[in-house]
Amino acid sequence: MSQYKKIGRLFLPVLFTVMVACNKDAKIMRQTPGGNDTITNDPLPKVLYVIIDGARGASVNKVAPPFLTSMTSNAIYSWHSLTDTSAVQATSWADMLTGVSRQRHSVSTNDFSGNNLSAYPSVTKRIKSRLPDYPVNFFCAKKSLADYLSSGSDKTAYFENDDKAVKNAVLDALGKDTAGLIIAHFGNVDAAGAAYGYDASVPQYRDAITNMDQYMGEMLGKLRQRKNFSGEKWLVVVTSSIGGPYPIDPQEDDNTAFSNPRLNTFTIIYAPTFQPFFLDRPFNGTRFSGSTVRLFGKDNAVFATVPDAIEAYNFGDTTSFTVELNIKVNQRPDGSYNYTWPSILGKRASFDRGVPGWVMFLEQNYWQINFGQSGKGNIQARGAVIGDGKWHNIAAVILSRDGRRYARTYTDGKFGEEKEITGQGNINSPAPLRIGYLPGSVNQPADVYMAAVRIFKCAIDDATIAKDAAAIRVDDNHPYVDFLLGYWPATDGTGGIFKDKSAQGHPFILQGVSSGNYSWDPFSTVLLPPSSANIQTLVPAGKDIPLFVLSWLNIIPDPAWQMEGKVWTTGQINVK
């Protein structure tokens, strides 16, 4: 085809029938040993696969090396990709060359002992099983890498700790018409990190990254100087096998793999026709920190009330309102989180039967909200488990619908239960709004920290509740800010009150310490951290690369190979 076309999302050939339909040059079906079909273009696509040990993605990004950075204009790329959680160098190599994880290839130590590479060999051997005549060159700076992970290569050469020699071997291979797959491994960045520190602020490490980038510039220049380059289909993958240890700011530690410098790599998957696609660090939850007061005890309880706003927080029998707060339940002396009915927040004179008002309380390791009324039994709606020593967001929404009144619970933004409370009538109470201990039906008093308490005179919708669960403040952009009746961050850090940051200005007055010198305890946590297993799939991993290479070469993996990788996709431009 002579005319150029711009197409949208390219689904790289995992679905090979789709790929053939889109790629007008894919005209040849080649029969391979064993009767397996390999769909391929003529001429075959080509790959340069560069592995750099010890290049932390965050540091490479800060250095901003010009040649690597220029590649991102036509690449799928990330400065936040991850290596195997074991942080073992040989394990990372095996992931990057077999396309399976440690659980399959069994490379768990740097001496490769106990490996299962006979069952899960390098991608070089997989390619040769389908394309016996396809040229494969393997150049590396470590003998052990060549010994265990270069099987099937036409030419294997190792240059122990000599990156320049590796680079020169690549330049020589790129200068030949027969170039196919070229794998190149470099170790000097890792050596500099091990000797001086794995951070862009370390001059020797920064220089090693810059020098490696110069090598990349030479290799890319040689590739583009090929006499048939304009008619060839090249993929260039540049990625680090592993990061390296270096202290990070505690405020940046989200307790996931993304905060471990050893696991932090970078990945650039480049082709001249690729549209840029940046894979950023995924949302890892919201950093929440400060100092607050521990609320605990019974006879000498530490609690707080809002004594000067009795009527402000009475909602009668029809008014909608919403209560949200962040809470951490502390362990009891017996090591459990099982509590029996202690109040954490409410507006009620006591937690006895037949007392009007409402109260949020703990039961076993979960929470509930209870509504009382004179001469009637209690009605309560249940929330989810929060007794685990972690910070959680809980919310209760009281609303009217079709002439009836309901209470709905939410934990960490997720809906829990709805109960009708119409029969409780007017739940006004002459008691002040109270946080912490409330007299009444209590077996074990609560021991908790609470913060970011807010009350709205309206029913907040489910979507906003979910967003609020990860929020650490109420600002002017909140969709219900005009209905805000009270907002107590409770992270004042000093004094004897929780200041009300809403327009109402009704502070919680702390009680229980005669001197007024309350202990403000520092805390730092992440609200709503995602599942570590799921979040790590949102960025490239070493095991993704072999499957991508096979896809680029239009090789359909045998199901028996059990490839675990993911083929990342992007759009294409200027496709001939």
Protein backbone atom coordinates (compact mmCIF):
# COMPACT_ATOMS: atom_id res chain seq x y z
CA MET A 1 0.00 0.00 0.00
CA SER A 2 1.43 3.37 -0.97
CA GLN A 3 -0.97 5.65 0.81
CA TYR A 4 -0.71 6.35 4.54
CA LYS A 5 -3.49 5.66 6.95
CA LYS A 6 -4.02 6.54 10.58
CA ILE A 7 -5.83 3.94 12.61
CA GLY A 8 -7.07 3.93 16.18
CA ARG A 9 -6.28 1.31 18.83
CA LEU A 10 -4.03 -1.45 17.55
CA PHE A 11 -4.70 -4.77 19.22
CA LEU A 12 -1.27 -6.34 18.92
CA PRO A 13 -1.59 -9.83 17.62
CA VAL A 14 -2.92 -11.93 20.39
CA LEU A 15 -6.02 -12.19 18.26
CA PHE A 16 -4.13 -13.11 15.15
CA THR A 17 -7.11 -13.18 12.82
CA VAL A 18 -7.73 -9.53 13.61
CA MET A 19 -4.06 -8.77 13.06
CA VAL A 20 -4.01 -10.39 9.63
CA ALA A 21 -7.08 -8.43 8.57
CA CYS A 22 -5.43 -5.14 9.57
CA ASN A 23 -1.93 -5.87 8.30
CA LYS A 24 -2.09 -5.94 4.51
CA ASP A 25 1.52 -7.13 4.27
CA ALA A 26 0.80 -10.35 6.17
CA LYS A 27 0.48 -12.61 3.15
CA ILE A 28 2.55 -15.66 3.99
CA MET A 29 1.55 -18.63 6.13
CA ARG A 30 4.78 -20.46 6.89
CA GLN A 31 4.71 -24.15 7.82
CA THR A 32 7.06 -24.85 10.72
CA PRO A 33 8.43 -28.02 12.32
CA GLY A 34 5.73 -30.07 13.98
CA GLY A 35 3.03 -28.70 11.72
CA ASN A 36 2.54 -25.46 13.69
CA ASP A 37 1.49 -22.46 11.67
CA THR A 38 3.23 -19.15 12.14
CA ILE A 39 1.63 -16.11 10.56
CA THR A 40 4.28 -13.69 9.41
CA ASN A 41 5.10 -10.83 7.11
CA ASP A 42 7.67 -11.00 4.36
CA PRO A 43 10.23 -9.80 5.31
CA LEU A 44 9.96 -10.87 8.92
CA PRO A 45 9.71 -8.19 11.64
CA LYS A 46 12.84 -7.46 13.66
CA VAL A 47 13.49 -6.83 17.35
CA LEU A 48 16.16 -5.15 19.44
CA TYR A 49 15.63 -6.10 23.09
CA VAL A 50 17.83 -4.21 25.58
CA ILE A 51 18.01 -5.23 29.26
CA ILE A 52 19.66 -2.85 31.74
CA ASP A 53 20.34 -4.08 35.27
CA GLY A 54 19.82 -1.76 38.22
CA ALA A 55 18.11 1.14 36.43
CA ARG A 56 15.43 2.40 38.81
CA GLY A 57 12.57 3.79 36.78
CA ALA A 58 12.15 6.81 39.06
CA SER A 59 15.83 7.68 38.73
CA VAL A 60 15.94 7.22 34.96
CA ASN A 61 12.94 9.52 34.69
CA LYS A 62 14.65 12.19 36.83
CA VAL A 63 17.86 12.00 34.81
CA ALA A 64 15.77 12.31 31.60
CA PRO A 65 18.43 10.81 29.31
CA PRO A 66 17.85 12.30 25.84
CA PHE A 67 17.85 9.19 23.66
CA LEU A 68 15.63 7.12 25.93
CA THR A 69 13.32 10.08 26.43
CA SER A 70 13.04 10.66 22.68
CA MET A 71 11.83 7.09 22.21
CA THR A 72 8.74 7.75 24.32
CA SER A 73 7.20 9.81 21.51
CA ASN A 74 6.54 6.51 19.71
CA ALA A 75 6.28 4.03 22.55
CA ILE A 76 4.29 2.29 25.19
CA TYR A 77 6.26 3.27 28.27
CA SER A 78 6.32 3.47 32.04
CA TRP A 79 8.74 4.72 34.69
CA HIS A 80 6.83 2.63 37.24
CA SER A 81 7.02 -0.91 35.87
CA LEU A 82 7.80 -3.68 38.33
CA THR A 83 10.08 -6.65 38.68
CA ASP A 84 9.44 -9.84 40.65
CA THR A 85 8.71 -9.15 44.32
CA SER A 86 11.64 -11.33 45.40
CA ALA A 87 14.04 -8.70 44.00
CA VAL A 88 16.44 -11.47 42.94
CA GLN A 89 18.41 -10.56 39.81
CA ALA A 90 18.33 -13.99 38.17
CA THR A 91 14.60 -14.30 38.84
CA SER A 92 14.02 -11.06 36.99
CA TRP A 93 16.12 -12.22 34.05
CA ALA A 94 14.15 -15.44 33.88
CA ASP A 95 10.83 -13.57 33.92
CA MET A 96 12.02 -11.30 31.12
CA LEU A 97 13.20 -14.11 28.87
CA THR A 98 10.80 -16.99 29.55
CA GLY A 99 7.53 -15.08 29.81
CA VAL A 100 6.51 -16.95 32.95
CA SER A 101 6.89 -16.16 36.63
CA ARG A 102 9.04 -17.62 39.36
CA GLN A 103 6.32 -20.11 40.31
CA ARG A 104 6.87 -21.82 36.93
CA HIS A 105 10.50 -21.31 35.92
CA SER A 106 11.69 -21.86 39.53
CA VAL A 107 14.64 -19.48 39.27
CA SER A 108 14.72 -18.12 42.79
CA THR A 109 18.45 -17.69 43.45
CA ASN A 110 21.25 -16.06 41.51
CA ASP A 111 22.99 -19.40 40.99
CA PHE A 112 19.91 -20.73 39.13
CA SER A 113 19.82 -23.81 41.37
CA GLY A 114 16.62 -25.85 41.20
CA ASN A 115 15.44 -24.12 38.05
CA ASN A 116 12.76 -25.48 35.73
CA LEU A 117 14.08 -23.92 32.54
CA SER A 118 13.89 -27.20 30.67
CA ALA A 119 10.10 -26.91 30.86
CA TYR A 120 10.04 -23.12 30.46
CA PRO A 121 12.98 -22.16 28.24
CA SER A 122 13.97 -18.76 26.93
CA VAL A 123 11.91 -17.02 24.26
CA THR A 124 14.91 -17.51 21.97
CA LYS A 125 14.26 -21.25 21.95
CA ARG A 126 10.51 -20.71 21.50
CA ILE A 127 11.19 -18.58 18.42
CA LYS A 128 13.56 -21.14 16.94
CA SER A 129 10.97 -23.88 17.39
CA ARG A 130 8.69 -21.97 15.01
CA LEU A 131 11.18 -20.08 12.83
CA PRO A 132 14.34 -22.21 12.61
CA ASP A 133 16.01 -19.86 10.12
CA TYR A 134 15.22 -16.65 11.96
CA PRO A 135 18.50 -15.00 13.13
CA VAL A 136 18.83 -14.69 16.91
CA ASN A 137 21.82 -13.01 18.57
CA PHE A 138 22.34 -12.84 22.33
CA PHE A 139 24.96 -10.51 23.84
CA CYS A 140 25.34 -9.98 27.58
CA ALA A 141 27.62 -8.74 30.33
CA LYS A 142 27.08 -11.76 32.61
CA LYS A 143 28.14 -15.33 31.87
CA SER A 144 25.38 -16.84 34.03
CA LEU A 145 22.74 -15.10 31.94
CA ALA A 146 24.21 -16.53 28.75
CA ASP A 147 24.61 -19.99 30.28
CA TYR A 148 20.98 -20.38 31.35
CA LEU A 149 18.80 -18.12 29.22
CA SER A 150 20.21 -17.94 25.69
CA SER A 151 19.25 -21.42 24.45
CA GLY A 152 18.43 -21.54 20.75
CA SER A 153 20.40 -18.43 19.84
CA ASP A 154 22.48 -18.56 16.67
CA LYS A 155 25.17 -16.50 18.30
CA THR A 156 25.74 -16.07 22.03
CA ALA A 157 28.53 -13.94 23.41
CA TYR A 158 29.17 -12.73 26.93
CA PHE A 159 31.55 -9.97 27.88
CA GLU A 160 31.86 -10.15 31.64
CA ASN A 161 31.25 -6.70 33.14
CA ASP A 162 32.09 -5.04 29.80
CA ASP A 163 29.12 -3.02 28.58
CA LYS A 164 31.14 -1.34 25.84
CA ALA A 165 31.92 -4.71 24.29
CA VAL A 166 28.24 -5.63 24.43
CA LYS A 167 27.35 -2.37 22.69
CA ASN A 168 29.95 -2.96 19.98
CA ALA A 169 28.62 -6.47 19.37
CA VAL A 170 25.13 -5.03 18.92
CA LEU A 171 26.42 -2.39 16.48
CA ASP A 172 28.12 -5.11 14.46
CA ALA A 173 24.93 -7.22 14.36
CA LEU A 174 22.81 -4.23 13.35
CA GLY A 175 25.17 -3.58 10.46
CA LYS A 176 24.35 -6.93 8.87
CA ASP A 177 21.42 -7.55 6.56
CA THR A 178 20.59 -10.75 8.45
CA ALA A 179 19.66 -9.03 11.71
CA GLY A 180 16.55 -10.57 13.32
CA LEU A 181 16.22 -10.66 17.11
CA ILE A 182 19.08 -9.03 18.99
CA ILE A 183 19.08 -9.32 22.78
CA ALA A 184 21.55 -7.12 24.62
CA HIS A 185 22.19 -7.05 28.36
CA PHE A 186 24.11 -4.32 30.23
CA GLY A 187 25.35 -4.23 33.83
CA ASN A 188 27.25 -0.99 34.47
CA VAL A 189 24.27 0.97 35.83
CA ASP A 190 23.73 -1.71 38.45
CA ALA A 191 27.43 -1.74 39.31
CA ALA A 192 27.38 2.02 39.89
CA GLY A 193 24.25 1.74 42.01
CA ALA A 194 25.70 -1.05 44.13
CA ALA A 195 28.88 0.95 44.74
CA TYR A 196 27.45 4.43 45.29
CA GLY A 197 23.65 4.34 45.57
CA TYR A 198 20.66 3.83 43.28
CA ASP A 199 19.40 7.38 42.92
CA ALA A 200 19.55 10.17 40.38
CA SER A 201 21.07 12.42 43.05
CA VAL A 202 24.18 10.21 43.17
CA PRO A 203 26.67 11.53 40.56
CA GLN A 204 28.23 8.16 39.72
CA TYR A 205 24.85 6.52 39.25
CA ARG A 206 23.59 9.42 37.18
CA ASP A 207 26.70 9.24 35.00
CA ALA A 208 26.19 5.51 34.46
CA ILE A 209 22.62 6.13 33.26
CA THR A 210 23.83 8.91 30.96
CA ASN A 211 26.57 6.69 29.54
CA MET A 212 24.07 3.89 28.91
CA ASP A 213 21.87 6.40 27.13
CA GLN A 214 24.78 7.28 24.85
CA TYR A 215 25.08 3.58 24.00
CA MET A 216 21.36 3.58 23.20
CA GLY A 217 21.90 6.57 20.93
CA GLU A 218 24.62 4.72 19.04
CA MET A 219 22.49 1.59 18.69
CA LEU A 220 19.42 3.51 17.52
CA GLY A 221 21.56 5.45 15.07
CA LYS A 222 23.03 2.25 13.63
CA LEU A 223 19.56 0.73 13.34
CA ARG A 224 18.22 3.74 11.43
CA GLN A 225 21.23 3.71 9.11
CA ARG A 226 20.36 0.26 7.80
CA LYS A 227 19.99 0.51 4.03
CA ASN A 228 16.56 -1.14 4.11
CA PHE A 229 15.37 0.45 7.36
CA SER A 230 12.41 2.25 5.77
CA GLY A 231 11.03 -1.07 4.55
CA GLU A 232 11.69 -2.99 7.76
CA LYS A 233 9.38 -3.43 10.74
CA TRP A 234 11.42 -2.84 13.89
CA LEU A 235 10.43 -3.17 17.54
CA VAL A 236 12.83 -1.82 20.15
CA VAL A 237 12.31 -2.78 23.79
CA VAL A 238 14.43 -1.12 26.47
CA THR A 239 13.76 -2.09 30.06
CA SER A 240 15.48 -2.58 33.38
CA SER A 241 15.57 -5.96 35.03
CA ILE A 242 15.61 -4.68 38.59
CA GLY A 243 15.95 -1.47 40.59
CA GLY A 244 18.04 -1.05 43.69
CA PRO A 245 17.83 -0.10 47.38
CA TYR A 246 17.64 3.56 48.30
CA PRO A 247 15.84 5.42 51.11
CA ILE A 248 12.57 7.07 50.09
CA ASP A 249 10.53 9.80 51.73
CA PRO A 250 8.16 8.15 54.25
CA GLN A 251 5.35 10.30 52.84
CA GLU A 252 5.83 8.52 49.50
CA ASP A 253 5.55 5.06 51.03
CA ASP A 254 2.13 3.66 50.20
CA ASN A 255 2.98 0.16 51.46
CA THR A 256 2.76 -1.34 47.97
CA ALA A 257 5.39 -2.68 45.58
CA PHE A 258 5.54 0.77 43.99
CA SER A 259 7.27 2.12 47.10
CA ASN A 260 10.04 -0.49 46.98
CA PRO A 261 13.03 0.94 45.05
CA ARG A 262 14.37 -2.58 44.45
CA LEU A 263 11.28 -3.43 42.41
CA ASN A 264 11.03 -0.15 40.49
CA THR A 265 11.99 -0.57 36.82
CA PHE A 266 11.25 1.25 33.58
CA THR A 267 9.94 -0.08 30.29
CA ILE A 268 9.96 1.44 26.80
CA ILE A 269 8.33 -0.54 23.98
CA TYR A 270 9.10 1.44 20.83
CA ALA A 271 8.19 1.24 17.16
CA PRO A 272 8.31 4.12 14.66
CA THR A 273 4.57 3.73 14.02
CA PHE A 274 3.43 3.65 17.67
CA GLN A 275 1.38 6.40 19.21
CA PRO A 276 2.69 7.32 22.69
CA PHE A 277 0.97 5.55 25.57
CA PHE A 278 2.17 6.34 29.09
CA LEU A 279 1.41 3.89 31.89
CA ASP A 280 1.56 5.95 35.06
CA ARG A 281 1.83 4.75 38.62
CA PRO A 282 -1.68 3.55 39.51
CA PHE A 283 -3.80 5.10 42.23
CA ASN A 284 -2.54 3.52 45.43
CA GLY A 285 -4.91 5.12 47.89
CA THR A 286 -4.83 8.52 49.59
CA ARG A 287 -2.06 9.47 52.00
CA PHE A 288 -3.66 10.48 55.30
CA SER A 289 -1.54 11.74 58.18
CA GLY A 290 -1.56 14.06 61.17
CA SER A 291 -1.96 13.90 64.94
CA THR A 292 -5.19 13.14 66.77
CA VAL A 293 -6.43 12.18 70.23
CA ARG A 294 -7.04 8.61 71.32
CA LEU A 295 -10.63 8.22 72.51
CA PHE A 296 -10.94 5.46 75.08
CA GLY A 297 -11.97 4.45 78.58
CA LYS A 298 -15.16 4.36 80.64
CA ASP A 299 -14.79 5.66 84.21
CA ASN A 300 -12.17 8.19 83.12
CA ALA A 301 -13.10 8.24 79.48
CA VAL A 302 -11.57 10.60 76.93
CA PHE A 303 -14.41 11.86 74.74
CA ALA A 304 -15.71 15.11 73.22
CA THR A 305 -19.01 16.97 72.85
CA VAL A 306 -20.42 19.98 70.99
CA PRO A 307 -22.27 21.64 73.90
CA ASP A 308 -23.32 24.89 72.22
CA ALA A 309 -25.25 23.52 69.22
CA ILE A 310 -27.96 21.20 70.54
CA GLU A 311 -30.56 22.07 67.92
CA ALA A 312 -28.15 22.31 64.99
CA TYR A 313 -27.79 18.53 64.86
CA ASN A 314 -31.42 17.56 65.49
CA PHE A 315 -33.04 16.25 62.31
CA GLY A 316 -36.61 15.50 63.43
CA ASP A 317 -38.61 12.83 61.63
CA THR A 318 -38.13 13.79 57.97
CA THR A 319 -34.88 15.74 57.46
CA SER A 320 -32.17 13.94 55.49
CA PHE A 321 -28.60 13.98 56.77
CA THR A 322 -25.25 12.27 56.22
CA VAL A 323 -22.48 11.44 58.69
CA GLU A 324 -18.97 10.51 57.48
CA LEU A 325 -15.77 9.88 59.41
CA ASN A 326 -12.43 8.10 59.34
CA ILE A 327 -11.76 5.65 62.15
CA LYS A 328 -9.07 3.31 63.40
CA VAL A 329 -10.14 0.69 65.94
CA ASN A 330 -7.36 -0.28 68.34
CA GLN A 331 -6.79 -3.73 69.77
CA ARG A 332 -8.23 -4.63 73.13
CA PRO A 333 -5.88 -5.87 75.87
CA ASP A 334 -6.72 -9.45 74.86
CA GLY A 335 -5.41 -8.77 71.35
CA SER A 336 -8.82 -8.89 69.67
CA TYR A 337 -10.90 -6.21 67.99
CA ASN A 338 -14.19 -7.50 69.38
CA TYR A 339 -16.19 -4.79 71.13
CA THR A 340 -19.70 -4.96 72.57
CA TRP A 341 -21.82 -1.90 71.81
CA PRO A 342 -19.57 1.10 72.64
CA SER A 343 -20.57 4.38 71.01
CA ILE A 344 -18.19 6.11 68.64
CA LEU A 345 -20.37 9.03 67.50
CA GLY A 346 -23.96 10.01 68.15
CA LYS A 347 -26.59 12.39 69.44
CA ARG A 348 -28.35 10.64 72.26
CA ALA A 349 -28.45 10.93 76.07
CA SER A 350 -27.46 7.30 76.62
CA PHE A 351 -27.23 4.03 74.76
CA ASP A 352 -30.11 2.50 76.68
CA ARG A 353 -33.29 1.10 75.21
CA GLY A 354 -36.07 3.64 74.65
CA VAL A 355 -33.80 6.70 74.57
CA PRO A 356 -34.43 8.95 71.52
CA GLY A 357 -31.60 9.72 69.17
CA TRP A 358 -29.01 7.97 67.04
CA VAL A 359 -25.58 6.51 67.68
CA MET A 360 -22.86 4.86 65.61
CA PHE A 361 -21.24 2.06 67.59
CA LEU A 362 -19.01 -1.01 67.47
CA GLU A 363 -20.26 -4.58 67.66
CA GLN A 364 -17.74 -7.41 67.53
CA ASN A 365 -15.35 -6.32 64.75
CA TYR A 366 -17.86 -4.32 62.66
CA TRP A 367 -19.92 -1.16 63.17
CA GLN A 368 -23.60 -0.24 63.15
CA ILE A 369 -25.87 2.79 63.49
CA ASN A 370 -28.73 2.59 66.00
CA PHE A 371 -31.93 4.64 66.24
CA GLY A 372 -33.82 4.81 69.55
CA GLN A 373 -37.22 6.16 70.54
CA SER A 374 -39.25 6.38 73.74
CA GLY A 375 -41.42 3.33 74.26
CA LYS A 376 -39.98 1.54 71.26
CA GLY A 377 -37.22 -0.92 70.52
CA ASN A 378 -34.05 0.04 68.71
CA ILE A 379 -33.58 -0.24 64.95
CA GLN A 380 -30.09 -0.52 63.57
CA ALA A 381 -28.35 -0.81 60.20
CA ARG A 382 -25.12 -2.74 59.94
CA GLY A 383 -21.83 -1.64 58.43
CA ALA A 384 -18.83 -3.79 57.51
CA VAL A 385 -15.77 -5.02 59.40
CA ILE A 386 -13.42 -2.26 60.56
CA GLY A 387 -11.73 -4.05 63.47
CA ASP A 388 -8.32 -4.76 61.95
CA GLY A 389 -6.03 -2.00 63.19
CA LYS A 390 -6.33 -0.07 59.92
CA TRP A 391 -7.96 3.25 59.12
CA HIS A 392 -11.38 3.02 57.48
CA ASN A 393 -14.02 5.43 56.27
CA ILE A 394 -17.57 4.85 57.48
CA ALA A 395 -20.73 6.72 56.54
CA ALA A 396 -24.44 6.72 57.33
CA VAL A 397 -27.01 8.35 55.07
CA ILE A 398 -30.50 9.02 56.42
CA LEU A 399 -32.98 9.87 53.66
CA SER A 400 -36.67 10.00 52.81
CA ARG A 401 -38.11 8.15 49.85
CA ASP A 402 -41.76 7.82 48.86
CA GLY A 403 -42.88 9.10 52.23
CA ARG A 404 -40.73 6.63 54.18
CA ARG A 405 -37.43 7.18 56.02
CA TYR A 406 -34.37 4.96 55.65
CA ALA A 407 -30.84 4.59 56.99
CA ARG A 408 -28.05 3.37 54.71
CA THR A 409 -24.52 2.34 55.75
CA TYR A 410 -21.26 2.50 53.81
CA THR A 411 -17.78 1.27 54.65
CA ASP A 412 -14.81 2.50 52.62
CA GLY A 413 -17.25 3.82 50.07
CA LYS A 414 -19.12 0.55 49.58
CA PHE A 415 -22.80 0.20 50.39
CA GLY A 416 -23.62 -2.08 53.32
CA GLU A 417 -27.25 -2.23 54.41
CA GLU A 418 -30.48 -0.24 54.28
CA LYS A 419 -33.08 -0.28 57.06
CA GLU A 420 -36.39 1.55 57.25
CA ILE A 421 -36.62 3.77 60.34
CA THR A 422 -39.92 5.54 59.62
CA GLY A 423 -41.45 4.06 62.76
CA GLN A 424 -38.87 5.70 65.00
CA GLY A 425 -40.44 9.07 64.26
CA ASN A 426 -38.76 12.18 65.60
CA ILE A 427 -35.21 11.28 66.66
CA ASN A 428 -34.37 14.66 68.17
CA SER A 429 -32.39 14.53 71.41
CA PRO A 430 -31.64 17.16 74.07
CA ALA A 431 -28.14 15.68 74.38
CA PRO A 432 -25.17 17.25 72.59
CA LEU A 433 -23.41 15.70 69.63
CA ARG A 434 -20.84 13.37 71.18
CA ILE A 435 -17.76 11.56 69.94
CA GLY A 436 -16.36 8.66 71.96
CA TYR A 437 -17.77 7.15 75.16
CA LEU A 438 -21.54 7.34 75.78
CA PRO A 439 -23.10 5.88 78.97
CA GLY A 440 -25.56 3.05 78.62
CA SER A 441 -25.50 -0.50 77.34
CA VAL A 442 -21.73 -0.92 77.06
CA ASN A 443 -19.68 -3.98 77.96
CA GLN A 444 -16.32 -2.93 76.53
CA PRO A 445 -15.70 0.81 75.98
CA ALA A 446 -14.25 1.75 72.63
CA ASP A 447 -10.57 2.41 72.02
CA VAL A 448 -10.33 4.32 68.77
CA TYR A 449 -8.86 7.17 66.81
CA MET A 450 -11.21 9.27 64.70
CA ALA A 451 -10.64 12.06 62.21
CA ALA A 452 -12.22 13.87 59.27
CA VAL A 453 -15.69 13.85 60.86
CA ARG A 454 -18.29 15.62 58.74
CA ILE A 455 -22.07 16.05 58.87
CA PHE A 456 -24.21 17.24 55.95
CA LYS A 457 -27.85 18.30 56.14
CA CYS A 458 -28.74 16.26 53.06
CA ALA A 459 -28.56 12.72 51.71
CA ILE A 460 -25.31 12.30 49.79
CA ASP A 461 -25.47 10.06 46.73
CA ASP A 462 -23.58 6.77 46.46
CA ALA A 463 -21.00 8.03 43.95
CA THR A 464 -20.01 10.95 46.18
CA ILE A 465 -19.85 8.70 49.23
CA ALA A 466 -17.39 6.51 47.32
CA LYS A 467 -15.23 9.53 46.44
CA ASP A 468 -15.41 10.90 49.98
CA ALA A 469 -14.08 7.60 51.33
CA ALA A 470 -10.71 8.40 49.79
CA ALA A 471 -10.80 12.12 50.56
CA ILE A 472 -8.94 13.69 53.47
CA ARG A 473 -10.69 17.07 53.48
CA VAL A 474 -13.87 18.87 52.46
CA ASP A 475 -13.08 21.73 50.11
CA ASP A 476 -15.14 24.28 48.22
CA ASN A 477 -15.45 21.93 45.25
CA HIS A 478 -17.37 19.30 47.19
CA PRO A 479 -20.78 18.90 45.49
CA TYR A 480 -22.61 19.16 48.83
CA VAL A 481 -20.49 21.82 50.52
CA ASP A 482 -23.50 24.15 50.81
CA PHE A 483 -25.14 21.57 53.10
CA LEU A 484 -22.13 21.13 55.39
CA LEU A 485 -23.22 21.41 59.05
CA GLY A 486 -19.92 20.44 60.61
CA TYR A 487 -16.41 19.43 59.59
CA TRP A 488 -13.92 18.40 62.26
CA PRO A 489 -10.56 17.22 60.84
CA ALA A 490 -9.62 16.33 64.47
CA THR A 491 -5.95 16.60 63.54
CA ASP A 492 -5.33 19.93 65.29
CA GLY A 493 -2.24 18.46 66.96
CA THR A 494 -2.52 20.46 70.16
CA GLY A 495 -5.01 21.88 72.65
CA GLY A 496 -8.31 20.61 74.00
CA ILE A 497 -10.70 20.96 71.07
CA PHE A 498 -11.41 19.58 67.62
CA LYS A 499 -11.96 22.73 65.58
CA ASP A 500 -14.97 22.91 63.28
CA LYS A 501 -13.74 23.99 59.84
CA SER A 502 -17.26 24.45 58.48
CA ALA A 503 -19.03 27.80 58.38
CA GLN A 504 -20.96 26.81 61.54
CA GLY A 505 -17.88 26.94 63.77
CA HIS A 506 -19.04 24.54 66.51
CA PRO A 507 -15.95 22.82 68.01
CA PHE A 508 -15.88 19.48 69.79
CA ILE A 509 -14.69 20.11 73.37
CA LEU A 510 -12.43 17.34 74.61
CA GLN A 511 -13.15 15.97 78.08
CA GLY A 512 -11.68 13.42 80.44
CA VAL A 513 -8.26 14.92 81.23
CA SER A 514 -8.51 17.40 84.09
CA SER A 515 -5.34 19.23 83.14
CA GLY A 516 -6.55 19.74 79.58
CA ASN A 517 -3.23 18.43 78.28
CA TYR A 518 -4.42 15.83 75.81
CA SER A 519 -1.99 13.50 74.12
CA TRP A 520 -2.01 14.06 70.37
CA ASP A 521 -0.69 10.92 68.73
CA PRO A 522 0.85 11.10 65.23
CA PHE A 523 -0.38 8.76 62.52
CA SER A 524 0.30 8.15 58.85
CA THR A 525 -1.66 5.78 56.68
CA VAL A 526 -3.12 5.21 53.22
CA LEU A 527 -6.87 5.27 52.77
CA LEU A 528 -8.38 2.66 50.47
CA PRO A 529 -5.17 0.94 49.35
CA PRO A 530 -5.96 -1.31 46.38
CA SER A 531 -5.26 -5.02 46.23
CA SER A 532 -1.53 -5.48 45.64
CA ALA A 533 -2.21 -8.42 43.32
CA ASN A 534 -4.48 -6.35 41.10
CA ILE A 535 -2.56 -3.10 41.10
CA GLN A 536 0.66 -4.70 39.89
CA THR A 537 -1.04 -5.80 36.68
CA LEU A 538 -1.67 -2.16 35.72
CA VAL A 539 1.95 -1.58 34.68
CA PRO A 540 4.37 -3.65 32.57
CA ALA A 541 6.25 -6.56 34.12
CA GLY A 542 9.26 -8.48 32.87
CA LYS A 543 7.19 -11.51 31.93
CA ASP A 544 5.18 -9.36 29.47
CA ILE A 545 8.10 -8.83 27.08
CA PRO A 546 8.50 -12.36 25.63
CA LEU A 547 4.82 -12.51 24.71
CA PHE A 548 5.08 -9.08 23.12
CA VAL A 549 8.10 -10.21 21.08
CA LEU A 550 6.32 -13.36 19.94
CA SER A 551 3.32 -11.26 18.97
CA TRP A 552 5.52 -8.87 17.02
CA LEU A 553 6.94 -11.84 15.13
CA ASN A 554 3.38 -13.10 14.58
CA ILE A 555 4.06 -16.35 16.41
CA ILE A 556 1.04 -17.92 18.05
CA PRO A 557 2.19 -19.31 21.42
CA ASP A 558 1.42 -22.94 22.07
CA PRO A 559 -1.00 -23.17 25.05
CA ALA A 560 1.44 -25.67 26.56
CA TRP A 561 3.99 -22.88 26.89
CA GLN A 562 1.74 -21.30 29.55
CA MET A 563 2.87 -17.77 28.79
CA GLU A 564 1.77 -15.41 31.56
CA GLY A 565 2.49 -12.04 30.03
CA LYS A 566 0.22 -9.28 28.84
CA VAL A 567 0.42 -7.65 25.42
CA TRP A 568 0.08 -3.90 25.91
CA THR A 569 -1.62 -1.98 23.13
CA THR A 570 -1.52 1.44 21.58
CA GLY A 571 -2.58 3.22 18.40
CA GLN A 572 -0.55 3.41 15.21
CA ILE A 573 0.32 6.30 12.93
CA ASN A 574 1.68 6.50 9.40
CA VAL A 575 1.14 2.83 8.67
CA LYS A 576 2.11 1.99 5.10
